[in-house]
Protein backbone atom coordinates (compact mmCIF):
# COMPACT_ATOMS: atom_id res chain seq x y z
CA MET A 1 -3.93 2.88 4.59
CA MET A 2 -0.25 2.44 5.61
CA LYS A 3 0.71 5.39 7.19
CA LYS A 4 4.11 6.94 6.17
CA ILE A 5 6.89 6.05 8.70
CA LYS A 6 9.96 8.27 10.21
CA LEU A 7 13.35 6.68 9.04
CA SER A 8 15.78 9.45 10.50
CA PHE A 9 17.13 7.78 13.84
CA SER A 10 19.43 11.21 14.07
CA CYS A 11 19.61 12.02 18.28
CA CYS A 12 20.06 16.37 17.61
CA PRO A 13 20.22 18.26 14.47
CA ALA A 14 22.77 18.60 12.45
CA THR A 15 24.01 22.37 11.54
CA PRO A 16 25.70 22.71 7.11
CA ARG A 17 28.53 21.40 8.27
CA GLY A 18 27.91 18.90 10.15
CA GLU A 19 25.25 17.62 7.95
CA LEU A 20 28.18 16.93 5.73
CA ARG A 21 30.25 15.59 8.82
CA ARG A 22 27.27 13.21 9.22
CA ASP A 23 26.96 12.34 6.19
CA ALA A 24 30.35 11.30 5.81
CA LEU A 25 30.26 8.89 8.69
CA LEU A 26 27.19 7.09 7.10
CA ASP A 27 28.66 6.40 3.98
CA ALA A 28 31.59 5.01 5.71
CA ALA A 29 29.68 3.16 8.03
CA ARG A 30 27.81 1.93 5.26
CA GLN A 31 30.68 0.83 3.56
CA ILE A 32 32.54 -1.06 6.23
CA PHE A 33 29.08 -2.79 7.33
CA LEU A 34 29.57 -4.14 3.44
CA GLU A 35 32.51 -5.30 4.17
CA LYS A 36 32.68 -6.75 7.20
CA GLY A 37 29.21 -6.80 8.62
CA TYR A 38 28.09 -5.05 11.75
CA SER A 39 29.50 -7.30 14.72
CA GLY A 40 32.94 -6.21 12.59
CA THR A 41 31.80 -2.89 12.21
CA SER A 42 33.55 -0.54 14.85
CA ILE A 43 33.02 2.97 15.76
CA ASP A 44 36.50 3.36 15.87
CA GLU A 45 37.05 2.41 12.38
CA VAL A 46 34.50 4.84 10.56
CA VAL A 47 36.25 7.77 12.91
CA GLN A 48 39.31 6.62 10.99
CA ARG A 49 38.18 6.38 7.63
CA THR A 50 36.15 10.01 7.76
CA GLY A 51 39.15 11.46 9.98
CA GLY A 52 36.14 12.72 12.29
CA SER A 53 36.17 11.81 16.05
CA LYS A 54 34.18 9.28 18.24
CA ALA A 55 32.69 12.26 19.66
CA SER A 56 30.38 13.15 16.59
CA VAL A 57 29.00 9.42 15.87
CA TYR A 58 27.87 10.12 19.58
CA LYS A 59 26.78 13.62 18.96
CA TYR A 60 24.92 12.81 15.58
CA PHE A 61 23.74 8.60 16.54
CA GLY A 62 23.97 8.22 19.97
CA SER A 63 25.55 4.73 19.69
CA LYS A 64 26.66 2.34 17.32
CA GLU A 65 22.95 0.73 17.40
CA GLY A 66 21.38 4.29 16.25
CA LEU A 67 24.66 5.20 13.19
CA PHE A 68 23.91 1.69 11.90
CA ALA A 69 19.77 2.20 12.03
CA GLU A 70 20.16 5.68 10.84
CA MET A 71 22.39 4.41 7.79
CA PHE A 72 20.09 1.96 6.82
CA GLY A 73 17.17 3.91 7.17
CA THR A 74 18.73 6.36 4.39
CA HIS A 75 19.68 2.99 2.25
CA CYS A 76 15.57 2.15 2.70
CA GLN A 77 14.32 5.99 1.49
CA VAL A 78 16.93 5.88 -1.64
CA PHE A 79 15.59 2.23 -2.57
CA LEU A 80 12.19 3.09 -1.83
CA ALA A 81 12.63 6.33 -4.21
CA THR A 82 14.39 4.35 -6.67
CA LEU A 83 11.62 1.67 -7.08
CA GLN A 84 8.68 4.58 -7.44
CA ILE A 85 5.74 2.33 -6.13
CA PRO A 86 2.95 3.59 -7.78
CA ASN A 87 0.16 5.23 -5.23
CA GLU A 88 -2.40 6.83 -7.54
CA LEU A 89 -5.12 5.14 -9.90
CA SER A 90 -4.11 4.28 -12.89
CA ASP A 91 -6.02 3.94 -16.08
CA ASN A 92 -3.54 1.94 -17.45
CA LEU A 93 -2.85 -0.99 -14.72
CA GLU A 94 -1.36 -3.56 -16.60
CA GLN A 95 1.05 -1.14 -17.68
CA THR A 96 1.61 0.84 -14.50
CA LEU A 97 2.39 -2.86 -12.71
CA THR A 98 4.93 -3.65 -15.74
CA GLN A 99 6.85 -0.26 -14.97
CA PHE A 100 6.78 -0.82 -12.00
CA ALA A 101 7.96 -4.53 -12.15
CA GLU A 102 11.11 -3.28 -14.24
CA ARG A 103 12.13 -1.12 -11.97
CA VAL A 104 11.99 -3.88 -9.02
CA LEU A 105 14.14 -6.37 -11.02
CA VAL A 106 16.87 -3.84 -11.30
CA ALA A 107 16.49 -2.57 -7.74
CA PHE A 108 16.59 -5.97 -6.43
CA VAL A 109 19.55 -7.78 -8.09
CA ASP A 110 21.15 -4.83 -7.88
CA PRO A 111 25.11 -5.68 -6.26
CA GLU A 112 25.03 -3.00 -3.38
CA ARG A 113 21.76 -4.18 -2.60
CA ILE A 114 22.71 -8.02 -2.72
CA ALA A 115 25.87 -7.24 -0.52
CA MET A 116 23.35 -5.37 2.03
CA ILE A 117 21.02 -8.95 1.83
CA ARG A 118 23.41 -10.68 2.51
CA ALA A 119 25.14 -9.14 4.95
CA LEU A 120 22.05 -8.79 7.25
CA VAL A 121 20.74 -12.09 6.92
CA ALA A 122 24.57 -13.25 8.29
CA GLU A 123 24.10 -11.11 11.33
CA ALA A 124 20.27 -11.82 12.33
CA ALA A 125 20.70 -14.77 14.17
CA ARG A 126 22.58 -12.92 16.86
CA PHE A 127 21.11 -9.61 16.44
CA PRO A 128 17.28 -10.17 16.02
CA ASP A 129 16.47 -6.41 17.09
CA LEU A 130 18.46 -5.67 13.86
CA ALA A 131 17.04 -8.02 11.83
CA GLU A 132 13.77 -6.81 12.54
CA MET A 133 13.99 -2.47 12.12
CA ALA A 134 15.63 -3.84 8.62
CA TYR A 135 12.47 -6.27 7.58
CA ASN A 136 9.81 -2.87 9.39
CA THR A 137 11.86 0.46 7.35
CA GLY A 138 12.22 -2.24 4.44
CA PRO A 139 10.73 -4.90 3.23
CA LYS A 140 7.44 -4.31 5.55
CA TYR A 141 7.03 -0.90 4.61
CA GLY A 142 7.84 -1.12 1.27
CA LEU A 143 4.95 -3.90 1.05
CA GLY A 144 2.39 -1.74 2.77
CA LEU A 145 2.80 1.13 -0.01
CA LEU A 146 2.09 -1.86 -2.84
CA ALA A 147 -1.10 -3.04 -0.60
CA ASP A 148 -2.17 0.87 -0.02
CA PHE A 149 -1.81 1.34 -4.15
CA LEU A 150 -3.79 -2.51 -4.58
CA GLN A 151 -6.25 -1.77 -2.06
CA ARG A 152 -7.12 1.84 -4.09
CA HIS A 153 -8.13 -0.03 -7.40
CA HIS A 154 -10.30 -2.95 -4.94
CA GLN A 155 -12.04 0.03 -4.14
CA ALA A 156 -12.32 1.06 -7.13
CA GLY A 157 -14.00 -1.99 -8.62
CA VAL A 158 -10.15 -2.03 -11.39
CA ILE A 159 -9.39 -5.33 -9.18
CA ASN A 160 -11.08 -7.79 -6.86
CA CYS A 161 -9.01 -7.59 -4.38
CA PRO A 162 -10.03 -7.74 -1.07
CA HIS A 163 -6.64 -8.62 0.83
CA PRO A 164 -4.09 -6.23 -0.79
CA ASP A 165 -1.71 -6.62 1.62
CA ILE A 166 -1.73 -10.71 0.57
CA ALA A 167 -1.39 -9.70 -2.85
CA ALA A 168 1.32 -7.39 -2.34
CA ILE A 169 3.36 -9.89 -1.22
CA GLN A 170 2.11 -12.32 -4.12
CA PHE A 171 2.98 -10.10 -6.88
CA MET A 172 6.83 -9.01 -5.02
CA GLU A 173 7.37 -12.61 -4.81
CA MET A 174 6.17 -13.36 -8.26
CA ILE A 175 8.56 -10.51 -9.80
CA LYS A 176 11.45 -10.88 -7.82
CA GLY A 177 11.73 -14.30 -6.33
CA HIS A 178 13.86 -16.42 -8.59
CA VAL A 179 15.72 -13.73 -10.10
CA GLN A 180 16.49 -12.26 -6.18
CA TRP A 181 17.97 -16.10 -5.06
CA ARG A 182 19.78 -16.33 -8.04
CA ALA A 183 22.15 -12.83 -7.89
CA LEU A 184 22.19 -14.18 -3.88
CA LEU A 185 23.67 -16.80 -4.95
CA GLY A 186 26.43 -15.00 -7.43
CA LEU A 187 24.59 -16.21 -10.47
CA PRO A 188 23.33 -14.57 -13.14
CA ALA A 189 19.95 -13.33 -12.06
CA PHE A 190 18.67 -14.03 -15.91
CA PRO A 191 20.53 -17.44 -17.32
CA ASP A 192 20.08 -17.65 -21.31
CA HIS A 193 17.16 -19.66 -21.73
CA LEU A 194 14.98 -17.05 -19.41
CA ASN A 195 13.85 -13.78 -21.24
CA ARG A 196 13.45 -10.67 -19.44
CA GLU A 197 10.50 -9.64 -21.00
CA ASN A 198 8.31 -12.93 -21.16
CA TYR A 199 9.33 -13.23 -17.40
CA ILE A 200 7.52 -10.21 -16.52
CA LYS A 201 4.91 -10.05 -19.20
CA GLU A 202 3.57 -13.73 -17.72
CA ALA A 203 3.79 -12.98 -14.04
CA ILE A 204 1.95 -9.38 -15.08
CA ARG A 205 -0.77 -12.08 -16.94
CA VAL A 206 -1.71 -14.48 -14.10
CA PHE A 207 -1.22 -12.13 -11.27
CA LEU A 208 -4.29 -9.38 -12.82
CA ARG A 209 -5.96 -13.18 -14.21
CA GLY A 210 -6.46 -13.73 -10.29
CA TYR A 211 -7.79 -10.38 -8.97
CA GLN A 212 -10.06 -9.65 -12.25
CA VAL A 213 -13.45 -8.73 -11.40
């Protein structure tokens, strides 16, 4: 089973007042990263936007790397909460997966999410550790949660899914793959000829047929 990972990278606990300062630094770091990428983001500019001090950055995050790790970890927590990945046995798996697919489509073509992916991809070759951290705290963790959900239904005899980790990848790519690519290219996620409801319905139908008991 997938164990919950810790997404917090803070170097020390914060007081209530310090928590507000810390959140302001994270918000500024997120905005600058989306504008300029990781290499173009400087601690000096983060501090300028918040009116804080470099000492606060080093106190709460230890370094620029720590600041980014915490910023991205927070982003992932919010994103995963938005997805509401199911985790309990469902008495109507088709309906549960359909509702989840609808949330996936909304979340994965959100303009800020698209901007975050573009910025990460642009920096990945130069900062492989950054890329690995982003993958582990985002896609890998989310896929693990979905795989756990599918495994429970396999064990309960609802579906025949002996490799839930593979099934989780297949499901997510069936739902988000095409439309997210369009969004990344600056195109409408759903062109006029592609009906959103039918798109989801057919994906769920094919997925469940492939794993039917």
